[in-house]
Amino acid sequence: MTTSPIASLLHPPRLLPSRRRFVLAAATAVAAPLASSLARAHHGWSGFDQDRPIYLEGRVVASRWQNPHAELTLEIAPGLAVPADLARRPVPAQSANVDGPALLAKAATPRRGDRRWTIELAPLTRMSAWNVAEIKSGDRVAVVGFTTQDEKGETAVLRVEYLFAGGKAYGLRSSPA
């Protein structure tokens, strides 16, 4: 007895349990690396140590103004220190509940000695909402943000909470309040 092509589309044959497990394992093997790379490309704040804000200041040596978020490569000069007035700098209100003055008061320089840091800014839609002009190579910026737990990882990465550029402060966790 043969089955018509239409009938087999409407009522596909059932897979045997062992075949079903094989198909599920194969699909998982293909999907897991893809999901992992997507998670690395755009992630939330949970992977960052939000108990220890880090202050960085330097010259931009590379700028990638693209989604999922803008990125800078920042070259840090030797002898980096947190400015004495950092905790008193005015910061704009954000739609997320962020205690800017307390965060700035806790800011410290990084423990790791990397001269170059990858700086993760906000998605371009949020950068636009804050009216942040595109930052280019050669610009000088300061940032306060968070790095990974215990500053681990091959690359020094900082997720920015506050960006200080062009004489202005921008809160990048959320949109303007």
C-alpha atoms as a PDB file:
ATOM      1  CA  MET A   1       0.000   0.000   0.000  1.00  0.00           C
ATOM      2  CA  THR A   2       1.468   3.361  -1.018  1.00  0.00           C
ATOM      3  CA  THR A   3       0.729   6.716   0.529  1.00  0.00           C
ATOM      4  CA  SER A   4       0.099   9.791  -1.576  1.00  0.00           C
ATOM      5  CA  PRO A   5       2.544  12.699  -1.212  1.00  0.00           C
ATOM      6  CA  ILE A   6      -0.236  14.944   0.101  1.00  0.00           C
ATOM      7  CA  ALA A   7      -1.281  12.390   2.699  1.00  0.00           C
ATOM      8  CA  SER A   8       2.305  12.007   3.893  1.00  0.00           C
ATOM      9  CA  LEU A   9       2.588  15.801   4.316  1.00  0.00           C
ATOM     10  CA  LEU A  10      -0.666  15.985   6.245  1.00  0.00           C
ATOM     11  CA  HIS A  11       0.080  12.877   8.284  1.00  0.00           C
ATOM     12  CA  PRO A  12       3.853  12.346   8.437  1.00  0.00           C
ATOM     13  CA  PRO A  13       4.974   8.939   9.643  1.00  0.00           C
ATOM     14  CA  ARG A  14       5.850   8.743  13.310  1.00  0.00           C
ATOM     15  CA  LEU A  15       9.533   8.494  14.140  1.00  0.00           C
ATOM     16  CA  LEU A  16      10.668   5.569  16.199  1.00  0.00           C
ATOM     17  CA  PRO A  17      11.794   6.599  19.719  1.00  0.00           C
ATOM     18  CA  SER A  18      15.475   5.992  18.894  1.00  0.00           C
ATOM     19  CA  ARG A  19      15.187   8.007  15.667  1.00  0.00           C
ATOM     20  CA  ARG A  20      13.357  10.786  17.547  1.00  0.00           C
ATOM     21  CA  ARG A  21      16.203  10.974  20.093  1.00  0.00           C
ATOM     22  CA  PHE A  22      18.755  11.157  17.257  1.00  0.00           C
ATOM     23  CA  VAL A  23      16.874  14.023  15.543  1.00  0.00           C
ATOM     24  CA  LEU A  24      16.560  15.881  18.860  1.00  0.00           C
ATOM     25  CA  ALA A  25      20.274  15.422  19.637  1.00  0.00           C
ATOM     26  CA  ALA A  26      21.262  16.609  16.147  1.00  0.00           C
ATOM     27  CA  ALA A  27      19.031  19.690  16.401  1.00  0.00           C
ATOM     28  CA  THR A  28      20.476  20.507  19.826  1.00  0.00           C
ATOM     29  CA  ALA A  29      24.039  20.112  18.548  1.00  0.00           C
ATOM     30  CA  VAL A  30      23.330  22.609  15.773  1.00  0.00           C
ATOM     31  CA  ALA A  31      21.324  25.086  17.876  1.00  0.00           C
ATOM     32  CA  ALA A  32      23.552  25.272  20.983  1.00  0.00           C
ATOM     33  CA  PRO A  33      26.572  26.991  19.367  1.00  0.00           C
ATOM     34  CA  LEU A  34      24.257  29.387  17.528  1.00  0.00           C
ATOM     35  CA  ALA A  35      22.435  30.312  20.733  1.00  0.00           C
ATOM     36  CA  SER A  36      25.754  30.747  22.530  1.00  0.00           C
ATOM     37  CA  SER A  37      27.109  33.118  19.874  1.00  0.00           C
ATOM     38  CA  LEU A  38      23.891  35.138  19.911  1.00  0.00           C
ATOM     39  CA  ALA A  39      24.070  35.387  23.690  1.00  0.00           C
ATOM     40  CA  ARG A  40      27.641  36.683  23.497  1.00  0.00           C
ATOM     41  CA  ALA A  41      26.689  39.192  20.812  1.00  0.00           C
ATOM     42  CA  HIS A  42      23.907  40.706  22.894  1.00  0.00           C
ATOM     43  CA  HIS A  43      23.680  40.036  26.596  1.00  0.00           C
ATOM     44  CA  GLY A  44      22.180  41.619  29.657  1.00  0.00           C
ATOM     45  CA  TRP A  45      23.798  43.004  32.768  1.00  0.00           C
ATOM     46  CA  SER A  46      23.838  39.737  34.738  1.00  0.00           C
ATOM     47  CA  GLY A  47      27.323  38.688  33.614  1.00  0.00           C
ATOM     48  CA  PHE A  48      28.868  41.844  35.017  1.00  0.00           C
ATOM     49  CA  ASP A  49      29.979  42.590  38.590  1.00  0.00           C
ATOM     50  CA  GLN A  50      27.582  45.402  39.480  1.00  0.00           C
ATOM     51  CA  ASP A  51      28.979  45.705  43.002  1.00  0.00           C
ATOM     52  CA  ARG A  52      32.255  47.189  41.768  1.00  0.00           C
ATOM     53  CA  PRO A  53      31.908  50.060  39.286  1.00  0.00           C
ATOM     54  CA  ILE A  54      35.069  50.706  37.281  1.00  0.00           C
ATOM     55  CA  TYR A  55      36.313  54.084  36.039  1.00  0.00           C
ATOM     56  CA  LEU A  56      38.245  54.285  32.774  1.00  0.00           C
ATOM     57  CA  GLU A  57      39.459  57.268  30.793  1.00  0.00           C
ATOM     58  CA  GLY A  58      41.434  57.396  27.604  1.00  0.00           C
ATOM     59  CA  ARG A  59      41.700  57.823  23.874  1.00  0.00           C
ATOM     60  CA  VAL A  60      39.443  55.933  21.480  1.00  0.00           C
ATOM     61  CA  VAL A  61      41.546  53.868  19.067  1.00  0.00           C
ATOM     62  CA  ALA A  62      38.640  52.086  17.331  1.00  0.00           C
ATOM     63  CA  SER A  63      34.908  52.705  17.096  1.00  0.00           C
ATOM     64  CA  ARG A  64      32.192  50.326  15.916  1.00  0.00           C
ATOM     65  CA  TRP A  65      28.923  52.233  15.728  1.00  0.00           C
ATOM     66  CA  GLN A  66      26.608  49.290  15.021  1.00  0.00           C
ATOM     67  CA  ASN A  67      24.050  47.004  16.642  1.00  0.00           C
ATOM     68  CA  PRO A  68      23.578  45.029  18.822  1.00  0.00           C
ATOM     69  CA  HIS A  69      25.458  47.805  20.666  1.00  0.00           C
ATOM     70  CA  ALA A  70      28.088  50.386  19.864  1.00  0.00           C
ATOM     71  CA  GLU A  71      31.629  49.442  20.889  1.00  0.00           C
ATOM     72  CA  LEU A  72      34.834  51.332  21.429  1.00  0.00           C
ATOM     73  CA  THR A  73      38.402  50.254  21.942  1.00  0.00           C
ATOM     74  CA  LEU A  74      39.824  52.563  24.574  1.00  0.00           C
ATOM     75  CA  GLU A  75      43.532  53.050  25.219  1.00  0.00           C
ATOM     76  CA  ILE A  76      44.204  53.827  28.872  1.00  0.00           C
ATOM     77  CA  ALA A  77      47.167  56.003  29.812  1.00  0.00           C
ATOM     78  CA  PRO A  78      49.490  54.782  32.580  1.00  0.00           C
ATOM     79  CA  GLY A  79      48.696  56.156  36.030  1.00  0.00           C
ATOM     80  CA  LEU A  80      44.907  56.128  35.642  1.00  0.00           C
ATOM     81  CA  ALA A  81      43.174  57.521  38.741  1.00  0.00           C
ATOM     82  CA  VAL A  82      39.558  58.207  39.642  1.00  0.00           C
ATOM     83  CA  PRO A  83      38.999  61.991  39.515  1.00  0.00           C
ATOM     84  CA  ALA A  84      38.407  63.545  42.937  1.00  0.00           C
ATOM     85  CA  ASP A  85      35.197  65.197  41.703  1.00  0.00           C
ATOM     86  CA  LEU A  86      33.679  62.106  40.052  1.00  0.00           C
ATOM     87  CA  ALA A  87      31.061  61.521  42.775  1.00  0.00           C
ATOM     88  CA  ARG A  88      29.896  65.141  42.445  1.00  0.00           C
ATOM     89  CA  ARG A  89      29.485  65.118  38.670  1.00  0.00           C
ATOM     90  CA  PRO A  90      25.887  65.592  37.599  1.00  0.00           C
ATOM     91  CA  VAL A  91      24.393  62.582  35.843  1.00  0.00           C
ATOM     92  CA  PRO A  92      21.086  62.510  33.986  1.00  0.00           C
ATOM     93  CA  ALA A  93      18.049  60.596  35.212  1.00  0.00           C
ATOM     94  CA  GLN A  94      17.330  57.313  33.453  1.00  0.00           C
ATOM     95  CA  SER A  95      14.086  55.393  33.099  1.00  0.00           C
ATOM     96  CA  ALA A  96      15.738  52.559  35.073  1.00  0.00           C
ATOM     97  CA  ASN A  97      16.243  53.089  38.789  1.00  0.00           C
ATOM     98  CA  VAL A  98      19.974  53.898  38.969  1.00  0.00           C
ATOM     99  CA  ASP A  99      21.535  55.751  41.916  1.00  0.00           C
ATOM    100  CA  GLY A 100      24.104  57.647  39.869  1.00  0.00           C
ATOM    101  CA  PRO A 101      25.826  59.584  42.674  1.00  0.00           C
ATOM    102  CA  ALA A 102      26.262  56.437  44.805  1.00  0.00           C
ATOM    103  CA  LEU A 103      27.582  54.496  41.831  1.00  0.00           C
ATOM    104  CA  LEU A 104      30.106  57.227  40.968  1.00  0.00           C
ATOM    105  CA  ALA A 105      31.191  57.428  44.628  1.00  0.00           C
ATOM    106  CA  LYS A 106      32.051  53.687  44.577  1.00  0.00           C
ATOM    107  CA  ALA A 107      33.946  53.791  41.267  1.00  0.00           C
ATOM    108  CA  ALA A 108      37.491  52.425  41.300  1.00  0.00           C
ATOM    109  CA  THR A 109      40.201  51.824  38.751  1.00  0.00           C
ATOM    110  CA  PRO A 110      40.524  48.282  37.404  1.00  0.00           C
ATOM    111  CA  ARG A 111      42.758  45.714  39.074  1.00  0.00           C
ATOM    112  CA  ARG A 112      43.920  44.277  35.793  1.00  0.00           C
ATOM    113  CA  GLY A 113      46.624  46.221  34.006  1.00  0.00           C
ATOM    114  CA  ASP A 114      45.383  46.115  30.412  1.00  0.00           C
ATOM    115  CA  ARG A 115      46.152  49.254  28.408  1.00  0.00           C
ATOM    116  CA  ARG A 116      43.330  48.548  25.924  1.00  0.00           C
ATOM    117  CA  TRP A 117      39.743  47.882  26.874  1.00  0.00           C
ATOM    118  CA  THR A 118      36.695  46.933  24.839  1.00  0.00           C
ATOM    119  CA  ILE A 119      33.960  49.352  25.860  1.00  0.00           C
ATOM    120  CA  GLU A 120      30.373  48.177  25.326  1.00  0.00           C
ATOM    121  CA  LEU A 121      27.976  51.072  24.939  1.00  0.00           C
ATOM    122  CA  ALA A 122      24.189  50.911  24.506  1.00  0.00           C
ATOM    123  CA  PRO A 123      22.221  49.827  21.424  1.00  0.00           C
ATOM    124  CA  LEU A 124      22.125  52.522  18.742  1.00  0.00           C
ATOM    125  CA  THR A 125      18.449  53.294  19.400  1.00  0.00           C
ATOM    126  CA  ARG A 126      19.296  54.191  23.000  1.00  0.00           C
ATOM    127  CA  MET A 127      22.392  56.149  21.943  1.00  0.00           C
ATOM    128  CA  SER A 128      20.094  58.113  19.633  1.00  0.00           C
ATOM    129  CA  ALA A 129      17.545  58.691  22.429  1.00  0.00           C
ATOM    130  CA  TRP A 130      20.366  60.252  24.484  1.00  0.00           C
ATOM    131  CA  ASN A 131      21.558  62.277  21.437  1.00  0.00           C
ATOM    132  CA  VAL A 132      25.065  60.848  21.718  1.00  0.00           C
ATOM    133  CA  ALA A 133      27.129  61.949  18.729  1.00  0.00           C
ATOM    134  CA  GLU A 134      29.088  59.163  17.075  1.00  0.00           C
ATOM    135  CA  ILE A 135      32.376  58.719  18.904  1.00  0.00           C
ATOM    136  CA  LYS A 136      35.359  58.394  16.597  1.00  0.00           C
ATOM    137  CA  SER A 137      38.962  57.273  16.813  1.00  0.00           C
ATOM    138  CA  GLY A 138      41.062  59.949  18.487  1.00  0.00           C
ATOM    139  CA  ASP A 139      38.223  61.180  20.746  1.00  0.00           C
ATOM    140  CA  ARG A 140      38.817  61.196  24.498  1.00  0.00           C
ATOM    141  CA  VAL A 141      36.124  59.741  26.735  1.00  0.00           C
ATOM    142  CA  ALA A 142      35.636  58.635  30.315  1.00  0.00           C
ATOM    143  CA  VAL A 143      33.303  55.839  31.355  1.00  0.00           C
ATOM    144  CA  VAL A 144      31.994  54.226  34.506  1.00  0.00           C
ATOM    145  CA  GLY A 145      30.681  50.725  34.155  1.00  0.00           C
ATOM    146  CA  PHE A 146      31.080  47.111  35.063  1.00  0.00           C
ATOM    147  CA  THR A 147      33.416  44.333  34.079  1.00  0.00           C
ATOM    148  CA  THR A 148      33.153  40.592  34.591  1.00  0.00           C
ATOM    149  CA  GLN A 149      33.320  38.986  38.026  1.00  0.00           C
ATOM    150  CA  ASP A 150      36.869  39.328  39.369  1.00  0.00           C
ATOM    151  CA  GLU A 151      37.795  41.047  36.070  1.00  0.00           C
ATOM    152  CA  LYS A 152      38.368  37.651  34.458  1.00  0.00           C
ATOM    153  CA  GLY A 153      38.560  36.956  30.754  1.00  0.00           C
ATOM    154  CA  GLU A 154      41.085  37.140  27.960  1.00  0.00           C
ATOM    155  CA  THR A 155      39.873  40.556  26.857  1.00  0.00           C
ATOM    156  CA  ALA A 156      39.298  43.501  29.168  1.00  0.00           C
ATOM    157  CA  VAL A 157      35.619  44.376  28.653  1.00  0.00           C
ATOM    158  CA  LEU A 158      33.603  47.115  30.348  1.00  0.00           C
ATOM    159  CA  ARG A 159      29.814  47.492  30.032  1.00  0.00           C
ATOM    160  CA  VAL A 160      29.120  51.222  30.359  1.00  0.00           C
ATOM    161  CA  GLU A 161      26.667  52.678  32.853  1.00  0.00           C
ATOM    162  CA  TYR A 162      27.760  56.319  32.388  1.00  0.00           C
ATOM    163  CA  LEU A 163      29.565  57.821  29.424  1.00  0.00           C
ATOM    164  CA  PHE A 164      31.335  61.184  29.709  1.00  0.00           C
ATOM    165  CA  ALA A 165      32.021  62.565  26.231  1.00  0.00           C
ATOM    166  CA  GLY A 166      32.082  65.996  24.649  1.00  0.00           C
ATOM    167  CA  GLY A 167      31.505  67.723  27.990  1.00  0.00           C
ATOM    168  CA  LYS A 168      28.268  65.792  28.660  1.00  0.00           C
ATOM    169  CA  ALA A 169      27.226  62.812  30.764  1.00  0.00           C
ATOM    170  CA  TYR A 170      24.968  60.076  29.402  1.00  0.00           C
ATOM    171  CA  GLY A 171      23.262  57.270  31.312  1.00  0.00           C
ATOM    172  CA  LEU A 172      23.316  54.194  29.102  1.00  0.00           C
ATOM    173  CA  ARG A 173      21.527  51.508  31.131  1.00  0.00           C
ATOM    174  CA  SER A 174      18.146  52.753  29.947  1.00  0.00           C
ATOM    175  CA  SER A 175      16.449  55.576  28.080  1.00  0.00           C
ATOM    176  CA  PRO A 176      16.283  59.144  29.399  1.00  0.00           C
ATOM    177  CA  ALA A 177      13.697  59.596  32.167  1.00  0.00           C
END
